[in-house]
Amino acid sequence: MFLLSSVLAFAQDKDEAKYYYVGKIGDETSIYQLSVQMEILVEGSDIRGSFYYEQGGNKGGAVRSLLGQINSNESTINLVVRGEGGNLKARGPLSNKEGDINAKFTPINGGLGTTINGTYLDKVTSEKLPIKLTKVANYDFSIIKQGKYSEAKWSYPLLISDNEVLQKVSVKLRDRMKPQIEEYQKDAKEGFMTDVITSTWLFTYDYSIEYYSEELISFTGQVYSYTGGAHGNTYFVSSNYSIKDGDSKLLKLSDLFKEKTDYVSVISDLIIKDLKKQKAGWVVNGEITSLKEDEIGPFALSPRGIQFAFAPYAVGPYSDGAFFVTINYVQLKGIINPKGTLSQFMGQNNSNPQNSGK
């Protein structure tokens, strides 16, 4: 049986690297000081990525897009922050520009080191603010090919920490990926043996960090498989780990809410209302009017709210594509466990640093 750990060293594209950083824009002398989280993908001298403020004004938590350049010889990064998007694949015109990041990074062999320090030029206020970021994860990219017609790719974050509990979270994440990867490899092997495979098969499994702190790490993943036919299949996964008392716990939806509350109905109603606005086919036509807990799907946690992902065919025909619903914590205030994981986010959505423009 294929074992993930035996091939992790096989293939990481040396021209591509992905990192996750956390830090702050501004300091005690600035017009505002905000915590930020940033994911960047480096391809040669190009950088693209996503960036968000953990709190701040009516746009606090909204994802920004990043596009820019890296100069490895001078260890510098220049990035444009855009006020829309957040998709790592976005390459459109630099519309809705909010600011510029100009910084130096600590170099390491073949990549970016632990820190990024420099300035953030706020287009709204014209203020030049310090930005200080610390890397908390490197992403591992791997690939394995079977013959000329089958390819499996996967990536996941390797957390950087002196805390052994956090180190083991990466291992747990990898272990959650293994069964699906092994199943695909088994199917591909059987396909070759029975001459079923006559065109390219492809399997990708990519995990990313949605939110990082010393108390909570939220991961989201996208899985895609094409084994012939009109189109491939996509589905989403998530893993949310609470870090407490020297251990990590994989959270269930029920862990987030008070006991003896009908949180499923509350969440279901909010999701259905949002899906109607997004014109999800089977919700609009009345085929789906409510969701059971096992139908609510993968969820991610961050200051932006709880985000639920619905793959194609979940709430509409394939042509509708995927749907994502984010529920603000204010909407769940009455049922959230005040001593639970979500308590750290309560009130952040309404923060409003003076003149921040964020």
Protein backbone atom coordinates (compact mmCIF):
# COMPACT_ATOMS: atom_id res chain seq x y z
CA MET A 1 0.00 0.00 0.00
CA PHE A 2 1.20 3.47 -0.87
CA LEU A 3 2.53 5.34 2.17
CA LEU A 4 2.61 9.13 2.09
CA SER A 5 5.60 9.41 4.36
CA SER A 6 7.76 7.36 2.00
CA VAL A 7 7.57 9.84 -0.86
CA LEU A 8 7.42 13.25 0.76
CA ALA A 9 10.93 14.03 -0.48
CA PHE A 10 10.12 13.13 -4.08
CA ALA A 11 8.98 16.38 -5.54
CA GLN A 12 8.92 19.94 -4.47
CA ASP A 13 9.12 22.36 -7.35
CA LYS A 14 12.24 24.40 -6.60
CA ASP A 15 10.76 27.41 -8.40
CA GLU A 16 7.63 27.39 -6.24
CA ALA A 17 7.32 27.91 -2.51
CA LYS A 18 4.46 28.83 -0.20
CA TYR A 19 4.60 30.41 3.26
CA TYR A 20 2.32 31.66 6.03
CA TYR A 21 3.18 34.71 8.15
CA VAL A 22 1.52 36.49 11.07
CA GLY A 23 2.38 39.88 12.52
CA LYS A 24 1.38 43.53 12.84
CA ILE A 25 1.01 46.70 10.83
CA GLY A 26 1.70 49.83 12.88
CA ASP A 27 3.01 50.24 16.41
CA GLU A 28 2.19 52.17 19.56
CA THR A 29 3.11 55.45 17.84
CA SER A 30 1.01 54.81 14.71
CA ILE A 31 -2.52 55.95 13.88
CA TYR A 32 -3.50 52.32 14.18
CA GLN A 33 -1.95 48.97 15.05
CA LEU A 34 -3.54 45.85 13.64
CA SER A 35 -2.73 42.15 13.67
CA VAL A 36 -2.46 40.62 10.21
CA GLN A 37 -2.09 37.20 8.62
CA MET A 38 -0.56 36.61 5.19
CA GLU A 39 -0.16 33.66 2.86
CA ILE A 40 2.18 34.04 -0.12
CA LEU A 41 3.13 31.85 -3.04
CA VAL A 42 6.53 32.53 -4.64
CA GLU A 43 7.09 31.50 -8.24
CA GLY A 44 10.51 32.57 -9.44
CA SER A 45 10.57 36.35 -8.92
CA ASP A 46 6.76 36.68 -8.74
CA ILE A 47 4.67 36.70 -5.57
CA ARG A 48 0.92 36.40 -5.24
CA GLY A 49 -1.12 35.73 -2.20
CA SER A 50 -3.75 36.80 0.31
CA PHE A 51 -3.71 39.06 3.30
CA TYR A 52 -6.20 40.05 5.96
CA TYR A 53 -6.56 42.18 9.06
CA GLU A 54 -7.73 40.25 12.10
CA GLN A 55 -9.85 43.23 13.16
CA GLY A 56 -10.51 46.84 12.30
CA GLY A 57 -13.48 48.86 11.08
CA ASN A 58 -16.16 47.77 8.69
CA LYS A 59 -13.65 45.89 6.53
CA GLY A 60 -11.92 44.05 9.36
CA GLY A 61 -11.29 40.44 8.38
CA ALA A 62 -11.96 40.94 4.66
CA VAL A 63 -9.41 39.21 2.46
CA ARG A 64 -7.11 41.31 0.30
CA SER A 65 -5.13 40.13 -2.74
CA LEU A 66 -1.37 40.52 -3.04
CA LEU A 67 0.73 40.82 -6.18
CA GLY A 68 4.38 41.70 -6.38
CA GLN A 69 8.01 40.85 -6.86
CA ILE A 70 10.83 39.33 -4.84
CA ASN A 71 14.51 40.17 -5.27
CA SER A 72 16.45 37.24 -3.86
CA ASN A 73 19.82 38.94 -4.33
CA GLU A 74 18.81 41.92 -2.19
CA SER A 75 16.38 39.98 0.04
CA THR A 76 13.54 42.43 -0.68
CA ILE A 77 9.81 42.08 -1.31
CA ASN A 78 7.53 44.62 -2.98
CA LEU A 79 3.80 43.93 -2.85
CA VAL A 80 0.63 45.71 -3.91
CA VAL A 81 -2.35 45.21 -1.59
CA ARG A 82 -5.71 45.13 -3.37
CA GLY A 83 -9.06 45.58 -1.68
CA GLU A 84 -10.80 42.74 -3.47
CA GLY A 85 -10.24 39.03 -3.99
CA GLY A 86 -7.81 36.96 -1.98
CA ASN A 87 -7.48 34.20 -4.54
CA LEU A 88 -3.89 33.02 -4.98
CA LYS A 89 -4.59 32.63 -8.69
CA ALA A 90 -5.83 36.19 -9.21
CA ARG A 91 -3.72 37.97 -11.80
CA GLY A 92 -6.03 40.74 -12.99
CA PRO A 93 -5.38 44.49 -13.15
CA LEU A 94 -4.31 46.22 -9.95
CA SER A 95 -7.72 47.67 -9.18
CA ASN A 96 -8.85 48.86 -5.75
CA LYS A 97 -5.31 49.40 -4.56
CA GLU A 98 -5.18 49.91 -0.79
CA GLY A 99 -1.47 50.05 -0.14
CA ASP A 100 2.09 48.96 -0.81
CA ILE A 101 4.35 46.71 1.22
CA ASN A 102 8.10 47.25 0.84
CA ALA A 103 10.16 45.02 3.08
CA LYS A 104 13.27 42.95 3.58
CA PHE A 105 13.22 39.27 4.54
CA THR A 106 15.73 37.14 6.33
CA PRO A 107 17.11 34.89 3.59
CA ILE A 108 17.60 31.16 3.89
CA ASN A 109 18.92 28.70 1.34
CA GLY A 110 16.36 28.64 -1.45
CA GLY A 111 13.64 30.70 0.18
CA LEU A 112 12.25 33.21 2.66
CA GLY A 113 13.39 33.12 6.24
CA THR A 114 11.71 33.68 9.56
CA THR A 115 10.97 37.42 9.38
CA ILE A 116 9.70 40.08 6.98
CA ASN A 117 10.20 43.66 8.19
CA GLY A 118 9.54 46.89 6.35
CA THR A 119 6.86 49.50 5.70
CA TYR A 120 3.23 49.55 4.68
CA LEU A 121 2.13 52.63 2.74
CA ASP A 122 -1.59 53.14 3.34
CA LYS A 123 -3.18 54.62 0.22
CA VAL A 124 -6.24 55.79 2.19
CA THR A 125 -4.40 57.75 4.89
CA SER A 126 -1.03 58.28 3.08
CA GLU A 127 0.62 57.06 6.29
CA LYS A 128 3.77 54.96 6.14
CA LEU A 129 3.58 52.35 8.88
CA PRO A 130 5.98 49.67 10.08
CA ILE A 131 5.09 46.08 9.22
CA LYS A 132 6.62 43.13 11.06
CA LEU A 133 5.80 39.54 10.13
CA THR A 134 6.98 36.19 11.47
CA LYS A 135 6.75 32.96 9.51
CA VAL A 136 4.71 30.22 11.16
CA ALA A 137 4.59 27.65 8.36
CA ASN A 138 6.36 26.39 5.26
CA TYR A 139 4.26 24.42 2.80
CA ASP A 140 5.37 21.00 1.65
CA PHE A 141 4.68 20.25 -2.02
CA SER A 142 4.85 16.67 -3.23
CA ILE A 143 4.01 14.73 -6.38
CA ILE A 144 4.10 11.13 -7.48
CA LYS A 145 3.54 9.80 -10.98
CA GLN A 146 2.46 6.34 -12.08
CA GLY A 147 3.42 5.64 -15.65
CA LYS A 148 2.60 8.41 -18.12
CA TYR A 149 -1.10 8.78 -17.32
CA SER A 150 -1.45 9.24 -13.57
CA GLU A 151 -0.30 12.06 -11.33
CA ALA A 152 -1.04 12.80 -7.68
CA LYS A 153 -0.09 16.12 -6.09
CA TRP A 154 -0.56 17.35 -2.56
CA SER A 155 0.55 20.12 -0.25
CA TYR A 156 0.11 20.98 3.40
CA PRO A 157 1.64 23.40 5.91
CA LEU A 158 4.51 22.39 8.14
CA LEU A 159 4.10 24.48 11.28
CA ILE A 160 7.19 26.20 12.66
CA SER A 161 7.23 26.25 16.43
CA ASP A 162 9.23 25.18 19.46
CA ASN A 163 5.95 23.86 20.83
CA GLU A 164 5.80 20.11 20.22
CA VAL A 165 2.01 20.20 20.29
CA LEU A 166 1.97 22.52 17.28
CA GLN A 167 4.58 20.41 15.51
CA LYS A 168 2.37 17.35 15.93
CA VAL A 169 -0.61 19.18 14.42
CA SER A 170 1.18 19.07 11.05
CA VAL A 171 1.62 15.32 11.44
CA LYS A 172 -2.06 14.91 12.27
CA LEU A 173 -2.97 16.95 9.20
CA ARG A 174 -0.77 14.79 6.98
CA ASP A 175 -2.27 11.64 8.45
CA ARG A 176 -5.78 12.91 7.63
CA MET A 177 -4.73 13.20 3.99
CA LYS A 178 -3.21 9.75 3.68
CA PRO A 179 -6.34 7.58 3.23
CA GLN A 180 -7.65 9.57 0.24
CA ILE A 181 -4.23 9.66 -1.42
CA GLU A 182 -3.72 5.94 -0.84
CA GLU A 183 -7.19 5.17 -2.23
CA TYR A 184 -6.45 7.12 -5.41
CA GLN A 185 -3.09 5.36 -5.83
CA LYS A 186 -4.79 2.00 -5.42
CA ASP A 187 -7.47 2.87 -8.00
CA ALA A 188 -4.81 4.10 -10.43
CA LYS A 189 -2.80 0.91 -10.05
CA GLU A 190 -5.87 -1.22 -10.69
CA GLY A 191 -6.73 0.97 -13.68
CA PHE A 192 -3.36 0.35 -15.27
CA MET A 193 -3.58 -3.39 -14.63
CA THR A 194 -7.01 -3.61 -16.29
CA ASP A 195 -6.21 -1.15 -19.12
CA VAL A 196 -8.93 1.21 -17.86
CA ILE A 197 -6.59 4.21 -17.91
CA THR A 198 -6.27 5.48 -21.46
CA SER A 199 -6.05 9.20 -20.70
CA THR A 200 -4.50 11.27 -17.93
CA TRP A 201 -5.78 10.83 -14.39
CA LEU A 202 -5.13 13.59 -11.87
CA PHE A 203 -5.51 13.85 -8.12
CA THR A 204 -4.74 16.96 -6.04
CA TYR A 205 -5.10 17.49 -2.31
CA ASP A 206 -4.18 20.93 -0.99
CA TYR A 207 -4.46 22.09 2.61
CA SER A 208 -4.00 25.74 3.62
CA ILE A 209 -4.08 27.72 6.85
CA GLU A 210 -7.24 29.75 7.31
CA TYR A 211 -6.29 31.14 10.71
CA TYR A 212 -3.31 30.73 13.02
CA SER A 213 -2.86 31.43 16.71
CA GLU A 214 -1.27 29.68 19.66
CA GLU A 215 -4.77 28.61 20.79
CA LEU A 216 -6.45 27.74 17.48
CA ILE A 217 -5.35 26.70 14.02
CA SER A 218 -7.94 26.37 11.27
CA PHE A 219 -7.09 24.54 8.04
CA THR A 220 -9.12 24.32 4.84
CA GLY A 221 -8.51 21.91 2.01
CA GLN A 222 -9.62 21.30 -1.55
CA VAL A 223 -9.54 17.88 -3.14
CA TYR A 224 -9.85 17.32 -6.89
CA SER A 225 -9.94 14.04 -8.76
CA TYR A 226 -10.23 13.36 -12.47
CA THR A 227 -10.42 9.76 -13.58
CA GLY A 228 -12.04 10.22 -16.97
CA GLY A 229 -15.49 11.39 -17.97
CA ALA A 230 -16.97 14.80 -18.68
CA HIS A 231 -15.39 16.52 -15.69
CA GLY A 232 -13.50 15.92 -12.48
CA ASN A 233 -14.92 15.98 -8.97
CA THR A 234 -14.11 18.56 -6.31
CA TYR A 235 -14.87 18.49 -2.62
CA PHE A 236 -13.73 20.41 0.44
CA VAL A 237 -12.31 19.39 3.80
CA SER A 238 -11.38 21.23 6.97
CA SER A 239 -9.53 20.62 10.22
CA ASN A 240 -9.83 22.95 13.20
CA TYR A 241 -7.51 22.29 16.13
CA SER A 242 -7.90 23.82 19.57
CA ILE A 243 -4.57 24.02 21.40
CA LYS A 244 -5.05 23.71 25.15
CA ASP A 245 -3.56 22.00 28.21
CA GLY A 246 -0.56 20.65 26.31
CA ASP A 247 -2.58 18.93 23.59
CA SER A 248 -4.48 19.59 20.37
CA LYS A 249 -8.13 18.71 19.87
CA LEU A 250 -9.87 18.33 16.52
CA LEU A 251 -13.03 20.40 16.91
CA LYS A 252 -16.53 19.33 16.00
CA LEU A 253 -19.24 21.87 15.23
CA SER A 254 -20.97 21.00 18.50
CA ASP A 255 -17.85 21.97 20.47
CA LEU A 256 -18.39 25.62 19.53
CA PHE A 257 -21.84 26.12 21.03
CA LYS A 258 -23.68 25.97 24.33
CA GLU A 259 -25.16 22.65 25.35
CA LYS A 260 -28.90 22.18 24.84
CA THR A 261 -29.12 24.83 22.14
CA ASP A 262 -30.53 24.11 18.69
CA TYR A 263 -27.41 25.39 16.95
CA VAL A 264 -28.00 23.21 13.89
CA SER A 265 -31.34 24.88 13.12
CA VAL A 266 -29.90 28.35 13.68
CA ILE A 267 -26.95 27.70 11.38
CA SER A 268 -29.11 25.92 8.81
CA ASP A 269 -31.50 28.87 8.57
CA LEU A 270 -28.65 31.35 8.13
CA ILE A 271 -26.97 29.21 5.48
CA ILE A 272 -30.19 28.64 3.52
CA LYS A 273 -30.91 32.37 3.54
CA ASP A 274 -27.44 33.13 2.19
CA LEU A 275 -27.57 30.36 -0.43
CA LYS A 276 -30.84 31.79 -1.74
CA LYS A 277 -29.11 35.12 -2.27
CA GLN A 278 -26.32 33.30 -4.11
CA LYS A 279 -28.95 31.50 -6.20
CA ALA A 280 -27.93 27.95 -5.34
CA GLY A 281 -30.17 25.90 -7.67
CA TRP A 282 -31.64 23.33 -5.31
CA VAL A 283 -32.24 25.93 -2.59
CA VAL A 284 -33.94 28.35 -4.96
CA ASN A 285 -36.28 25.68 -6.37
CA GLY A 286 -37.24 24.50 -2.87
CA GLU A 287 -35.66 21.06 -3.10
CA ILE A 288 -33.44 21.94 -0.13
CA THR A 289 -35.11 23.94 2.65
CA SER A 290 -32.96 22.96 5.61
CA LEU A 291 -29.71 21.18 6.41
CA LYS A 292 -28.92 18.44 8.89
CA GLU A 293 -25.64 18.61 10.80
CA ASP A 294 -23.91 16.10 8.50
CA GLU A 295 -25.06 18.14 5.47
CA ILE A 296 -23.67 21.44 6.71
CA GLY A 297 -20.26 20.46 5.48
CA PRO A 298 -16.68 21.48 6.28
CA PHE A 299 -16.23 24.63 8.33
CA ALA A 300 -13.35 27.01 8.93
CA LEU A 301 -12.81 29.45 11.80
CA SER A 302 -11.28 32.90 11.66
CA PRO A 303 -12.02 36.46 12.81
CA ARG A 304 -14.20 36.80 9.70
CA GLY A 305 -16.70 34.26 11.04
CA ILE A 306 -17.48 30.59 10.46
CA GLN A 307 -17.14 29.76 6.78
CA PHE A 308 -18.97 26.75 5.36
CA ALA A 309 -18.04 25.19 2.02
CA PHE A 310 -20.42 23.38 -0.33
CA ALA A 311 -18.93 21.44 -3.22
CA PRO A 312 -20.58 21.14 -6.63
CA TYR A 313 -23.69 18.91 -6.38
CA ALA A 314 -24.13 19.70 -2.66
CA VAL A 315 -26.75 22.44 -3.00
CA GLY A 316 -27.13 22.72 -6.74
CA PRO A 317 -26.22 21.12 -10.08
CA TYR A 318 -22.59 20.87 -11.16
CA SER A 319 -22.99 23.91 -13.40
CA ASP A 320 -23.68 26.06 -10.31
CA GLY A 321 -20.19 25.37 -9.00
CA ALA A 322 -19.17 25.61 -5.35
CA PHE A 323 -20.72 27.87 -2.72
CA PHE A 324 -19.22 29.45 0.39
CA VAL A 325 -21.19 30.93 3.26
CA THR A 326 -19.66 32.98 6.07
CA ILE A 327 -21.70 33.53 9.23
CA ASN A 328 -20.68 36.47 11.39
CA TYR A 329 -20.23 35.68 15.07
CA VAL A 330 -22.68 38.44 15.99
CA GLN A 331 -25.41 36.35 14.34
CA LEU A 332 -24.52 33.45 16.67
CA LYS A 333 -23.95 35.42 19.85
CA GLY A 334 -26.76 33.81 21.80
CA ILE A 335 -25.62 30.23 21.26
CA ILE A 336 -21.80 30.46 21.24
CA ASN A 337 -20.11 28.77 24.19
CA PRO A 338 -18.64 31.73 26.13
CA LYS A 339 -15.84 29.52 27.44
CA GLY A 340 -15.18 27.83 24.12
CA THR A 341 -12.93 28.39 21.14
CA LEU A 342 -15.02 31.14 19.52
CA SER A 343 -14.92 33.42 22.57
CA GLN A 344 -11.60 34.85 21.33
CA PHE A 345 -13.36 36.31 18.27
CA MET A 346 -16.36 37.88 19.95
CA GLY A 347 -16.38 41.65 19.51
CA GLN A 348 -13.62 41.77 16.87
CA ASN A 349 -16.05 42.37 14.02
CA ASN A 350 -17.10 45.68 15.52
CA SER A 351 -13.67 47.12 16.29
CA ASN A 352 -13.07 50.47 14.65
CA PRO A 353 -9.56 51.93 15.00
CA GLN A 354 -9.70 55.69 14.50
CA ASN A 355 -8.98 56.77 10.94
CA SER A 356 -7.76 53.31 10.01
CA GLY A 357 -9.81 53.06 6.83
CA LYS A 358 -9.74 49.34 7.27
